[in-house]
């Protein structure tokens, strides 16, 4: 039977890698936040969010990134978003408002 000189080195590398993986920190839960955008705020994003083309997803992602988030999870008219509330703390959501939900 032939023994290789690389066998102990290979075994040591495998053990080191398995220890590194087992000591990795647990994955962080994704934080989700919704933003209500009304026409009165003057951002002018409603037209883009209402389209089915590339403009809507790109605008929603750009909005999320401007708010320190990674990407848009969903977006659409406020009447489609259950439980969404404006960022200013008010309870009323205009029917013409749009909601963008962002994740980290």
PDB file of N, CA and C in Angstrom:
ATOM      1  N   UNK A   1       0.850  -1.167   0.000  1.00  0.00           N
ATOM      2  CA  UNK A   1       0.000   0.000   0.000  1.00  0.00           C
ATOM      3  C   UNK A   1       0.900   1.234   0.000  1.00  0.00           C
ATOM      4  N   UNK A   2       0.579   2.173  -0.797  1.00  0.00           N
ATOM      5  CA  UNK A   2       1.377   3.383  -0.953  1.00  0.00           C
ATOM      6  C   UNK A   2       0.757   4.526  -0.144  1.00  0.00           C
ATOM      7  N   UNK A   3       1.550   5.232   0.649  1.00  0.00           N
ATOM      8  CA  UNK A   3       1.079   6.357   1.453  1.00  0.00           C
ATOM      9  C   UNK A   3       1.588   7.644   0.832  1.00  0.00           C
ATOM     10  N   UNK A   4       0.768   8.634   0.831  1.00  0.00           N
ATOM     11  CA  UNK A   4       1.147   9.933   0.271  1.00  0.00           C
ATOM     12  C   UNK A   4       1.567  10.878   1.386  1.00  0.00           C
ATOM     13  N   UNK A   5       2.524  11.709   1.086  1.00  0.00           N
ATOM     14  CA  UNK A   5       2.978  12.705   2.060  1.00  0.00           C
ATOM     15  C   UNK A   5       1.955  13.813   2.243  1.00  0.00           C
ATOM     16  N   UNK A   6       1.046  13.942   1.293  1.00  0.00           N
ATOM     17  CA  UNK A   6       0.041  15.006   1.357  1.00  0.00           C
ATOM     18  C   UNK A   6      -1.154  14.636   2.217  1.00  0.00           C
ATOM     19  N   UNK A   7      -1.293  13.419   2.586  1.00  0.00           N
ATOM     20  CA  UNK A   7      -2.443  12.972   3.342  1.00  0.00           C
ATOM     21  C   UNK A   7      -2.595  13.691   4.682  1.00  0.00           C
ATOM     22  N   UNK A   8      -1.551  13.821   5.518  1.00  0.00           N
ATOM     23  CA  UNK A   8      -1.724  14.552   6.785  1.00  0.00           C
ATOM     24  C   UNK A   8      -2.031  16.035   6.563  1.00  0.00           C
ATOM     25  N   UNK A   9      -1.441  16.630   5.545  1.00  0.00           N
ATOM     26  CA  UNK A   9      -1.702  18.043   5.245  1.00  0.00           C
ATOM     27  C   UNK A   9      -3.146  18.220   4.798  1.00  0.00           C
ATOM     28  N   UNK A  10      -3.595  17.350   3.918  1.00  0.00           N
ATOM     29  CA  UNK A  10      -4.966  17.418   3.425  1.00  0.00           C
ATOM     30  C   UNK A  10      -5.959  17.252   4.573  1.00  0.00           C
ATOM     31  N   UNK A  11      -5.704  16.310   5.460  1.00  0.00           N
ATOM     32  CA  UNK A  11      -6.571  16.083   6.611  1.00  0.00           C
ATOM     33  C   UNK A  11      -6.592  17.306   7.533  1.00  0.00           C
ATOM     34  N   UNK A  12      -5.435  17.920   7.745  1.00  0.00           N
ATOM     35  CA  UNK A  12      -5.368  19.120   8.594  1.00  0.00           C
ATOM     36  C   UNK A  12      -6.171  20.260   8.001  1.00  0.00           C
ATOM     37  N   UNK A  13      -6.105  20.429   6.694  1.00  0.00           N
ATOM     38  CA  UNK A  13      -6.867  21.492   6.026  1.00  0.00           C
ATOM     39  C   UNK A  13      -8.352  21.240   6.172  1.00  0.00           C
ATOM     40  N   UNK A  14      -8.788  20.003   5.986  1.00  0.00           N
ATOM     41  CA  UNK A  14     -10.210  19.686   6.132  1.00  0.00           C
ATOM     42  C   UNK A  14     -10.706  19.946   7.553  1.00  0.00           C
ATOM     43  N   UNK A  15      -9.915  19.590   8.537  1.00  0.00           N
ATOM     44  CA  UNK A  15     -10.296  19.825   9.931  1.00  0.00           C
ATOM     45  C   UNK A  15     -10.383  21.330  10.205  1.00  0.00           C
ATOM     46  N   UNK A  16      -9.417  22.097   9.719  1.00  0.00           N
ATOM     47  CA  UNK A  16      -9.414  23.547   9.934  1.00  0.00           C
ATOM     48  C   UNK A  16     -10.632  24.192   9.275  1.00  0.00           C
ATOM     49  N   UNK A  17     -10.961  23.770   8.064  1.00  0.00           N
ATOM     50  CA  UNK A  17     -12.132  24.322   7.378  1.00  0.00           C
ATOM     51  C   UNK A  17     -13.431  23.971   8.096  1.00  0.00           C
ATOM     52  N   UNK A  18     -13.552  22.753   8.561  1.00  0.00           N
ATOM     53  CA  UNK A  18     -14.781  22.375   9.255  1.00  0.00           C
ATOM     54  C   UNK A  18     -14.946  23.146  10.562  1.00  0.00           C
ATOM     55  N   UNK A  19     -13.836  23.410  11.268  1.00  0.00           N
ATOM     56  CA  UNK A  19     -13.912  24.215  12.492  1.00  0.00           C
ATOM     57  C   UNK A  19     -14.294  25.652  12.183  1.00  0.00           C
ATOM     58  N   UNK A  20     -13.764  26.211  11.107  1.00  0.00           N
ATOM     59  CA  UNK A  20     -14.082  27.592  10.728  1.00  0.00           C
ATOM     60  C   UNK A  20     -15.549  27.729  10.374  1.00  0.00           C
ATOM     61  N   UNK A  21     -16.090  26.755   9.661  1.00  0.00           N
ATOM     62  CA  UNK A  21     -17.499  26.800   9.271  1.00  0.00           C
ATOM     63  C   UNK A  21     -18.390  26.642  10.490  1.00  0.00           C
ATOM     64  N   UNK A  22     -18.037  25.746  11.407  1.00  0.00           N
ATOM     65  CA  UNK A  22     -18.884  25.516  12.575  1.00  0.00           C
ATOM     66  C   UNK A  22     -18.867  26.697  13.544  1.00  0.00           C
ATOM     67  N   UNK A  23     -17.843  27.558  13.493  1.00  0.00           N
ATOM     68  CA  UNK A  23     -17.750  28.703  14.385  1.00  0.00           C
ATOM     69  C   UNK A  23     -18.234  29.994  13.744  1.00  0.00           C
ATOM     70  N   UNK A  24     -18.761  29.909  12.521  1.00  0.00           N
ATOM     71  CA  UNK A  24     -19.261  31.099  11.839  1.00  0.00           C
ATOM     72  C   UNK A  24     -20.469  31.638  12.597  1.00  0.00           C
ATOM     73  N   UNK A  25     -20.635  32.974  12.630  1.00  0.00           N
ATOM     74  CA  UNK A  25     -21.790  33.543  13.327  1.00  0.00           C
ATOM     75  C   UNK A  25     -23.080  33.162  12.605  1.00  0.00           C
ATOM     76  N   UNK A  26     -24.185  33.068  13.341  1.00  0.00           N
ATOM     77  CA  UNK A  26     -25.455  32.708  12.707  1.00  0.00           C
ATOM     78  C   UNK A  26     -25.896  33.802  11.741  1.00  0.00           C
ATOM     79  N   UNK A  27     -26.631  33.394  10.731  1.00  0.00           N
ATOM     80  CA  UNK A  27     -27.126  34.348   9.737  1.00  0.00           C
ATOM     81  C   UNK A  27     -28.081  35.337  10.402  1.00  0.00           C
ATOM     82  N   UNK A  28     -27.974  36.607  10.018  1.00  0.00           N
ATOM     83  CA  UNK A  28     -28.824  37.658  10.572  1.00  0.00           C
ATOM     84  C   UNK A  28     -30.175  37.666   9.861  1.00  0.00           C
ATOM     85  N   UNK A  29     -31.220  37.828  10.610  1.00  0.00           N
ATOM     86  CA  UNK A  29     -32.552  37.902  10.020  1.00  0.00           C
ATOM     87  C   UNK A  29     -32.678  39.192   9.208  1.00  0.00           C
ATOM     88  N   UNK A  30     -33.378  39.102   8.109  1.00  0.00           N
ATOM     89  CA  UNK A  30     -33.568  40.254   7.248  1.00  0.00           C
ATOM     90  C   UNK A  30     -34.559  41.219   7.886  1.00  0.00           C
ATOM     91  N   UNK A  31     -34.152  42.461   8.024  1.00  0.00           N
ATOM     92  CA  UNK A  31     -35.037  43.486   8.552  1.00  0.00           C
ATOM     93  C   UNK A  31     -35.820  44.078   7.388  1.00  0.00           C
ATOM     94  N   UNK A  32     -37.110  44.155   7.550  1.00  0.00           N
ATOM     95  CA  UNK A  32     -37.996  44.649   6.499  1.00  0.00           C
ATOM     96  C   UNK A  32     -38.632  45.946   6.966  1.00  0.00           C
ATOM     97  N   UNK A  33     -38.699  46.923   6.076  1.00  0.00           N
ATOM     98  CA  UNK A  33     -39.339  48.192   6.408  1.00  0.00           C
ATOM     99  C   UNK A  33     -40.115  48.683   5.198  1.00  0.00           C
ATOM    100  N   UNK A  34     -41.311  49.199   5.435  1.00  0.00           N
ATOM    101  CA  UNK A  34     -42.159  49.724   4.362  1.00  0.00           C
ATOM    102  C   UNK A  34     -42.188  51.240   4.417  1.00  0.00           C
ATOM    103  N   UNK A  35     -42.177  51.854   3.244  1.00  0.00           N
ATOM    104  CA  UNK A  35     -42.242  53.312   3.105  1.00  0.00           C
ATOM    105  C   UNK A  35     -43.466  53.661   2.280  1.00  0.00           C
ATOM    106  N   UNK A  36     -44.241  54.630   2.753  1.00  0.00           N
ATOM    107  CA  UNK A  36     -45.415  55.107   2.021  1.00  0.00           C
ATOM    108  C   UNK A  36     -45.039  56.411   1.341  1.00  0.00           C
ATOM    109  N   UNK A  37     -45.226  56.451   0.031  1.00  0.00           N
ATOM    110  CA  UNK A  37     -44.909  57.649  -0.754  1.00  0.00           C
ATOM    111  C   UNK A  37     -46.196  58.230  -1.314  1.00  0.00           C
ATOM    112  N   UNK A  38     -46.480  59.463  -0.956  1.00  0.00           N
ATOM    113  CA  UNK A  38     -47.693  60.127  -1.440  1.00  0.00           C
ATOM    114  C   UNK A  38     -47.326  61.128  -2.531  1.00  0.00           C
ATOM    115  N   UNK A  39     -48.266  61.421  -3.419  1.00  0.00           N
ATOM    116  CA  UNK A  39     -47.990  62.418  -4.459  1.00  0.00           C
ATOM    117  C   UNK A  39     -47.648  63.787  -3.870  1.00  0.00           C
ATOM    118  N   UNK A  40     -48.189  64.115  -2.704  1.00  0.00           N
ATOM    119  CA  UNK A  40     -47.946  65.417  -2.077  1.00  0.00           C
ATOM    120  C   UNK A  40     -46.489  65.595  -1.670  1.00  0.00           C
ATOM    121  N   UNK A  41     -45.762  64.509  -1.482  1.00  0.00           N
ATOM    122  CA  UNK A  41     -44.355  64.608  -1.093  1.00  0.00           C
ATOM    123  C   UNK A  41     -43.475  65.097  -2.238  1.00  0.00           C
ATOM    124  N   UNK A  42     -43.975  65.007  -3.462  1.00  0.00           N
ATOM    125  CA  UNK A  42     -43.265  65.570  -4.597  1.00  0.00           C
ATOM    126  C   UNK A  42     -42.135  64.745  -5.170  1.00  0.00           C
ATOM    127  N   UNK A  43     -42.036  63.469  -4.794  1.00  0.00           N
ATOM    128  CA  UNK A  43     -40.967  62.641  -5.346  1.00  0.00           C
ATOM    129  C   UNK A  43     -41.226  62.277  -6.804  1.00  0.00           C
ATOM    130  N   UNK A  44     -42.481  62.189  -7.203  1.00  0.00           N
ATOM    131  CA  UNK A  44     -42.816  61.882  -8.591  1.00  0.00           C
ATOM    132  C   UNK A  44     -42.507  60.456  -9.001  1.00  0.00           C
ATOM    133  N   UNK A  45     -42.526  59.531  -8.070  1.00  0.00           N
ATOM    134  CA  UNK A  45     -42.190  58.146  -8.391  1.00  0.00           C
ATOM    135  C   UNK A  45     -43.417  57.295  -8.720  1.00  0.00           C
ATOM    136  N   UNK A  46     -44.603  57.823  -8.483  1.00  0.00           N
ATOM    137  CA  UNK A  46     -45.815  57.034  -8.684  1.00  0.00           C
ATOM    138  C   UNK A  46     -45.977  56.557 -10.122  1.00  0.00           C
ATOM    139  N   UNK A  47     -45.658  57.414 -11.078  1.00  0.00           N
ATOM    140  CA  UNK A  47     -45.806  57.035 -12.480  1.00  0.00           C
ATOM    141  C   UNK A  47     -44.917  55.838 -12.807  1.00  0.00           C
ATOM    142  N   UNK A  48     -43.722  55.862 -12.278  1.00  0.00           N
ATOM    143  CA  UNK A  48     -42.770  54.785 -12.528  1.00  0.00           C
ATOM    144  C   UNK A  48     -43.184  53.508 -11.802  1.00  0.00           C
ATOM    145  N   UNK A  49     -43.637  53.627 -10.564  1.00  0.00           N
ATOM    146  CA  UNK A  49     -44.041  52.456  -9.798  1.00  0.00           C
ATOM    147  C   UNK A  49     -45.304  51.812 -10.358  1.00  0.00           C
ATOM    148  N   UNK A  50     -46.086  52.575 -11.085  1.00  0.00           N
ATOM    149  CA  UNK A  50     -47.323  52.060 -11.648  1.00  0.00           C
ATOM    150  C   UNK A  50     -47.093  51.278 -12.939  1.00  0.00           C
ATOM    151  N   UNK A  51     -45.927  51.401 -13.558  1.00  0.00           N
ATOM    152  CA  UNK A  51     -45.678  50.741 -14.836  1.00  0.00           C
ATOM    153  C   UNK A  51     -45.241  49.300 -14.646  1.00  0.00           C
ATOM    154  N   UNK A  52     -45.470  48.510 -15.658  1.00  0.00           N
ATOM    155  CA  UNK A  52     -45.088  47.103 -15.630  1.00  0.00           C
ATOM    156  C   UNK A  52     -43.678  46.878 -16.173  1.00  0.00           C
ATOM    157  N   UNK A  53     -43.042  47.898 -16.711  1.00  0.00           N
ATOM    158  CA  UNK A  53     -41.727  47.743 -17.325  1.00  0.00           C
ATOM    159  C   UNK A  53     -40.597  47.719 -16.316  1.00  0.00           C
ATOM    160  N   UNK A  54     -39.396  48.033 -16.792  1.00  0.00           N
ATOM    161  CA  UNK A  54     -38.196  48.015 -15.959  1.00  0.00           C
ATOM    162  C   UNK A  54     -38.127  49.187 -14.987  1.00  0.00           C
ATOM    163  N   UNK A  55     -38.866  50.230 -15.244  1.00  0.00           N
ATOM    164  CA  UNK A  55     -38.807  51.441 -14.436  1.00  0.00           C
ATOM    165  C   UNK A  55     -39.223  51.183 -12.986  1.00  0.00           C
ATOM    166  N   UNK A  56     -40.291  50.442 -12.766  1.00  0.00           N
ATOM    167  CA  UNK A  56     -40.812  50.206 -11.415  1.00  0.00           C
ATOM    168  C   UNK A  56     -39.818  49.516 -10.500  1.00  0.00           C
ATOM    169  N   UNK A  57     -39.300  48.346 -10.886  1.00  0.00           N
ATOM    170  CA  UNK A  57     -38.331  47.669 -10.014  1.00  0.00           C
ATOM    171  C   UNK A  57     -37.061  48.490  -9.788  1.00  0.00           C
ATOM    172  N   UNK A  58     -36.597  49.170 -10.816  1.00  0.00           N
ATOM    173  CA  UNK A  58     -35.379  49.986 -10.679  1.00  0.00           C
ATOM    174  C   UNK A  58     -35.619  51.147  -9.717  1.00  0.00           C
ATOM    175  N   UNK A  59     -36.776  51.791  -9.821  1.00  0.00           N
ATOM    176  CA  UNK A  59     -37.106  52.909  -8.935  1.00  0.00           C
ATOM    177  C   UNK A  59     -37.263  52.429  -7.498  1.00  0.00           C
ATOM    178  N   UNK A  60     -37.935  51.295  -7.306  1.00  0.00           N
ATOM    179  CA  UNK A  60     -38.131  50.763  -5.959  1.00  0.00           C
ATOM    180  C   UNK A  60     -36.789  50.392  -5.323  1.00  0.00           C
ATOM    181  N   UNK A  61     -35.910  49.753  -6.085  1.00  0.00           N
ATOM    182  CA  UNK A  61     -34.581  49.413  -5.558  1.00  0.00           C
ATOM    183  C   UNK A  61     -33.788  50.670  -5.220  1.00  0.00           C
ATOM    184  N   UNK A  62     -33.851  51.676  -6.101  1.00  0.00           N
ATOM    185  CA  UNK A  62     -33.127  52.933  -5.860  1.00  0.00           C
ATOM    186  C   UNK A  62     -33.651  53.619  -4.600  1.00  0.00           C
ATOM    187  N   UNK A  63     -34.969  53.611  -4.398  1.00  0.00           N
ATOM    188  CA  UNK A  63     -35.548  54.212  -3.198  1.00  0.00           C
ATOM    189  C   UNK A  63     -35.021  53.502  -1.953  1.00  0.00           C
ATOM    190  N   UNK A  64     -35.038  52.168  -1.980  1.00  0.00           N
ATOM    191  CA  UNK A  64     -34.565  51.398  -0.822  1.00  0.00           C
ATOM    192  C   UNK A  64     -33.095  51.703  -0.534  1.00  0.00           C
ATOM    193  N   UNK A  65     -32.293  51.770  -1.559  1.00  0.00           N
ATOM    194  CA  UNK A  65     -30.873  52.060  -1.373  1.00  0.00           C
ATOM    195  C   UNK A  65     -30.671  53.464  -0.811  1.00  0.00           C
ATOM    196  N   UNK A  66     -31.514  54.418  -1.219  1.00  0.00           N
ATOM    197  CA  UNK A  66     -31.400  55.777  -0.680  1.00  0.00           C
ATOM    198  C   UNK A  66     -31.802  55.842   0.783  1.00  0.00           C
ATOM    199  N   UNK A  67     -32.532  54.836   1.251  1.00  0.00           N
ATOM    200  CA  UNK A  67     -32.958  54.762   2.649  1.00  0.00           C
ATOM    201  C   UNK A  67     -32.058  53.844   3.475  1.00  0.00           C
ATOM    202  N   UNK A  68     -30.919  53.435   2.905  1.00  0.00           N
ATOM    203  CA  UNK A  68     -29.979  52.597   3.623  1.00  0.00           C
ATOM    204  C   UNK A  68     -30.319  51.119   3.620  1.00  0.00           C
ATOM    205  N   UNK A  69     -31.208  50.708   2.750  1.00  0.00           N
ATOM    206  CA  UNK A  69     -31.590  49.300   2.628  1.00  0.00           C
ATOM    207  C   UNK A  69     -30.929  48.720   1.383  1.00  0.00           C
ATOM    208  N   UNK A  70     -30.996  47.412   1.243  1.00  0.00           N
ATOM    209  CA  UNK A  70     -30.325  46.757   0.131  1.00  0.00           C
ATOM    210  C   UNK A  70     -31.156  46.753  -1.144  1.00  0.00           C
ATOM    211  N   UNK A  71     -32.422  46.315  -1.021  1.00  0.00           N
ATOM    212  CA  UNK A  71     -33.242  46.161  -2.223  1.00  0.00           C
ATOM    213  C   UNK A  71     -34.721  46.202  -1.867  1.00  0.00           C
ATOM    214  N   UNK A  72     -35.532  46.366  -2.898  1.00  0.00           N
ATOM    215  CA  UNK A  72     -36.980  46.348  -2.713  1.00  0.00           C
ATOM    216  C   UNK A  72     -37.469  44.903  -2.722  1.00  0.00           C
ATOM    217  N   UNK A  73     -38.299  44.587  -1.757  1.00  0.00           N
ATOM    218  CA  UNK A  73     -38.923  43.265  -1.702  1.00  0.00           C
ATOM    219  C   UNK A  73     -40.226  43.290  -2.479  1.00  0.00           C
ATOM    220  N   UNK A  74     -40.954  44.402  -2.341  1.00  0.00           N
ATOM    221  CA  UNK A  74     -42.208  44.570  -3.071  1.00  0.00           C
ATOM    222  C   UNK A  74     -42.530  46.056  -3.157  1.00  0.00           C
ATOM    223  N   UNK A  75     -43.432  46.377  -4.060  1.00  0.00           N
ATOM    224  CA  UNK A  75     -43.924  47.745  -4.181  1.00  0.00           C
ATOM    225  C   UNK A  75     -45.277  47.704  -4.875  1.00  0.00           C
ATOM    226  N   UNK A  76     -46.067  48.747  -4.656  1.00  0.00           N
ATOM    227  CA  UNK A  76     -47.365  48.821  -5.311  1.00  0.00           C
ATOM    228  C   UNK A  76     -48.249  49.868  -4.665  1.00  0.00           C
ATOM    229  N   UNK A  77     -49.467  49.994  -5.176  1.00  0.00           N
ATOM    230  CA  UNK A  77     -50.418  50.964  -4.622  1.00  0.00           C
ATOM    231  C   UNK A  77     -50.706  50.666  -3.152  1.00  0.00           C
ATOM    232  N   UNK A  78     -50.996  51.701  -2.388  1.00  0.00           N
ATOM    233  CA  UNK A  78     -51.214  51.529  -0.947  1.00  0.00           C
ATOM    234  C   UNK A  78     -52.415  50.645  -0.650  1.00  0.00           C
ATOM    235  N   UNK A  79     -53.400  50.601  -1.515  1.00  0.00           N
ATOM    236  CA  UNK A  79     -54.563  49.753  -1.239  1.00  0.00           C
ATOM    237  C   UNK A  79     -54.220  48.273  -1.337  1.00  0.00           C
ATOM    238  N   UNK A  80     -53.040  47.942  -1.923  1.00  0.00           N
ATOM    239  CA  UNK A  80     -52.583  46.554  -1.987  1.00  0.00           C
ATOM    240  C   UNK A  80     -51.749  46.159  -0.777  1.00  0.00           C
ATOM    241  N   UNK A  81     -51.341  47.132   0.027  1.00  0.00           N
ATOM    242  CA  UNK A  81     -50.440  46.861   1.157  1.00  0.00           C
ATOM    243  C   UNK A  81     -51.227  46.822   2.452  1.00  0.00           C
ATOM    244  N   UNK A  82     -51.392  45.657   3.009  1.00  0.00           N
ATOM    245  CA  UNK A  82     -52.107  45.506   4.279  1.00  0.00           C
ATOM    246  C   UNK A  82     -51.256  46.004   5.427  1.00  0.00           C
ATOM    247  N   UNK A  83     -51.818  46.841   6.258  1.00  0.00           N
ATOM    248  CA  UNK A  83     -51.138  47.279   7.466  1.00  0.00           C
ATOM    249  C   UNK A  83     -50.050  48.316   7.267  1.00  0.00           C
ATOM    250  N   UNK A  84     -49.924  48.869   6.070  1.00  0.00           N
ATOM    251  CA  UNK A  84     -48.891  49.885   5.832  1.00  0.00           C
ATOM    252  C   UNK A  84     -49.331  51.200   6.446  1.00  0.00           C
ATOM    253  N   UNK A  85     -48.394  51.903   7.026  1.00  0.00           N
ATOM    254  CA  UNK A  85     -48.670  53.208   7.618  1.00  0.00           C
ATOM    255  C   UNK A  85     -47.601  54.179   7.151  1.00  0.00           C
ATOM    256  N   UNK A  86     -47.984  55.444   6.962  1.00  0.00           N
ATOM    257  CA  UNK A  86     -47.001  56.439   6.531  1.00  0.00           C
ATOM    258  C   UNK A  86     -45.878  56.597   7.542  1.00  0.00           C
ATOM    259  N   UNK A  87     -44.708  56.970   7.050  1.00  0.00           N
ATOM    260  CA  UNK A  87     -43.533  57.139   7.906  1.00  0.00           C
ATOM    261  C   UNK A  87     -43.706  58.270   8.905  1.00  0.00           C
ATOM    262  N   UNK A  88     -44.594  59.235   8.604  1.00  0.00           N
ATOM    263  CA  UNK A  88     -44.783  60.367   9.513  1.00  0.00           C
ATOM    264  C   UNK A  88     -45.641  60.010  10.726  1.00  0.00           C
ATOM    265  N   UNK A  89     -46.099  58.745  10.826  1.00  0.00           N
ATOM    266  CA  UNK A  89     -46.847  58.302  11.995  1.00  0.00           C
ATOM    267  C   UNK A  89     -48.349  58.506  11.894  1.00  0.00           C
ATOM    268  N   UNK A  90     -48.831  59.172  10.853  1.00  0.00           N
ATOM    269  CA  UNK A  90     -50.273  59.369  10.724  1.00  0.00           C
ATOM    270  C   UNK A  90     -50.947  58.036  10.397  1.00  0.00           C
ATOM    271  N   UNK A  91     -52.231  57.982  10.613  1.00  0.00           N
ATOM    272  CA  UNK A  91     -52.978  56.739  10.396  1.00  0.00           C
ATOM    273  C   UNK A  91     -53.586  56.669   8.998  1.00  0.00           C
ATOM    274  N   UNK A  92     -53.802  57.783   8.375  1.00  0.00           N
ATOM    275  CA  UNK A  92     -54.450  57.814   7.067  1.00  0.00           C
ATOM    276  C   UNK A  92     -53.435  57.619   5.948  1.00  0.00           C
ATOM    277  N   UNK A  93     -53.765  56.734   5.023  1.00  0.00           N
ATOM    278  CA  UNK A  93     -52.927  56.520   3.840  1.00  0.00           C
ATOM    279  C   UNK A  93     -53.763  56.936   2.633  1.00  0.00           C
ATOM    280  N   UNK A  94     -53.248  57.890   1.873  1.00  0.00           N
ATOM    281  CA  UNK A  94     -53.964  58.360   0.695  1.00  0.00           C
ATOM    282  C   UNK A  94     -54.156  57.214  -0.298  1.00  0.00           C
ATOM    283  N   UNK A  95     -55.305  57.174  -0.964  1.00  0.00           N
ATOM    284  CA  UNK A  95     -55.536  56.118  -1.950  1.00  0.00           C
ATOM    285  C   UNK A  95     -54.547  56.168  -3.121  1.00  0.00           C
ATOM    286  N   UNK A  96     -53.986  57.338  -3.397  1.00  0.00           N
ATOM    287  CA  UNK A  96     -53.054  57.463  -4.516  1.00  0.00           C
ATOM    288  C   UNK A  96     -51.602  57.219  -4.101  1.00  0.00           C
ATOM    289  N   UNK A  97     -51.386  56.843  -2.848  1.00  0.00           N
ATOM    290  CA  UNK A  97     -50.027  56.594  -2.349  1.00  0.00           C
ATOM    291  C   UNK A  97     -49.521  55.234  -2.824  1.00  0.00           C
ATOM    292  N   UNK A  98     -48.206  55.100  -2.801  1.00  0.00           N
ATOM    293  CA  UNK A  98     -47.554  53.824  -3.118  1.00  0.00           C
ATOM    294  C   UNK A  98     -46.717  53.392  -1.924  1.00  0.00           C
ATOM    295  N   UNK A  99     -46.595  52.085  -1.759  1.00  0.00           N
ATOM    296  CA  UNK A  99     -45.805  51.524  -0.661  1.00  0.00           C
ATOM    297  C   UNK A  99     -44.652  50.742  -1.266  1.00  0.00           C
ATOM    298  N   UNK A 100     -43.460  51.008  -0.754  1.00  0.00           N
ATOM    299  CA  UNK A 100     -42.272  50.247  -1.143  1.00  0.00           C
ATOM    300  C   UNK A 100     -41.778  49.538   0.116  1.00  0.00           C
ATOM    301  N   UNK A 101     -41.643  48.229   0.054  1.00  0.00           N
ATOM    302  CA  UNK A 101     -41.140  47.442   1.165  1.00  0.00           C
ATOM    303  C   UNK A 101     -39.720  47.022   0.844  1.00  0.00           C
ATOM    304  N   UNK A 102     -38.813  47.387   1.746  1.00  0.00           N
ATOM    305  CA  UNK A 102     -37.373  47.164   1.523  1.00  0.00           C
ATOM    306  C   UNK A 102     -36.829  46.161   2.520  1.00  0.00           C
ATOM    307  N   UNK A 103     -35.788  45.457   2.103  1.00  0.00           N
ATOM    308  CA  UNK A 103     -35.094  44.525   2.981  1.00  0.00           C
ATOM    309  C   UNK A 103     -33.615  44.815   2.986  1.00  0.00           C
ATOM    310  N   UNK A 104     -32.944  44.301   3.993  1.00  0.00           N
ATOM    311  CA  UNK A 104     -31.488  44.478   4.091  1.00  0.00           C
ATOM    312  C   UNK A 104     -30.777  43.431   3.291  1.00  0.00           C
TER     313      UNK A 104
END
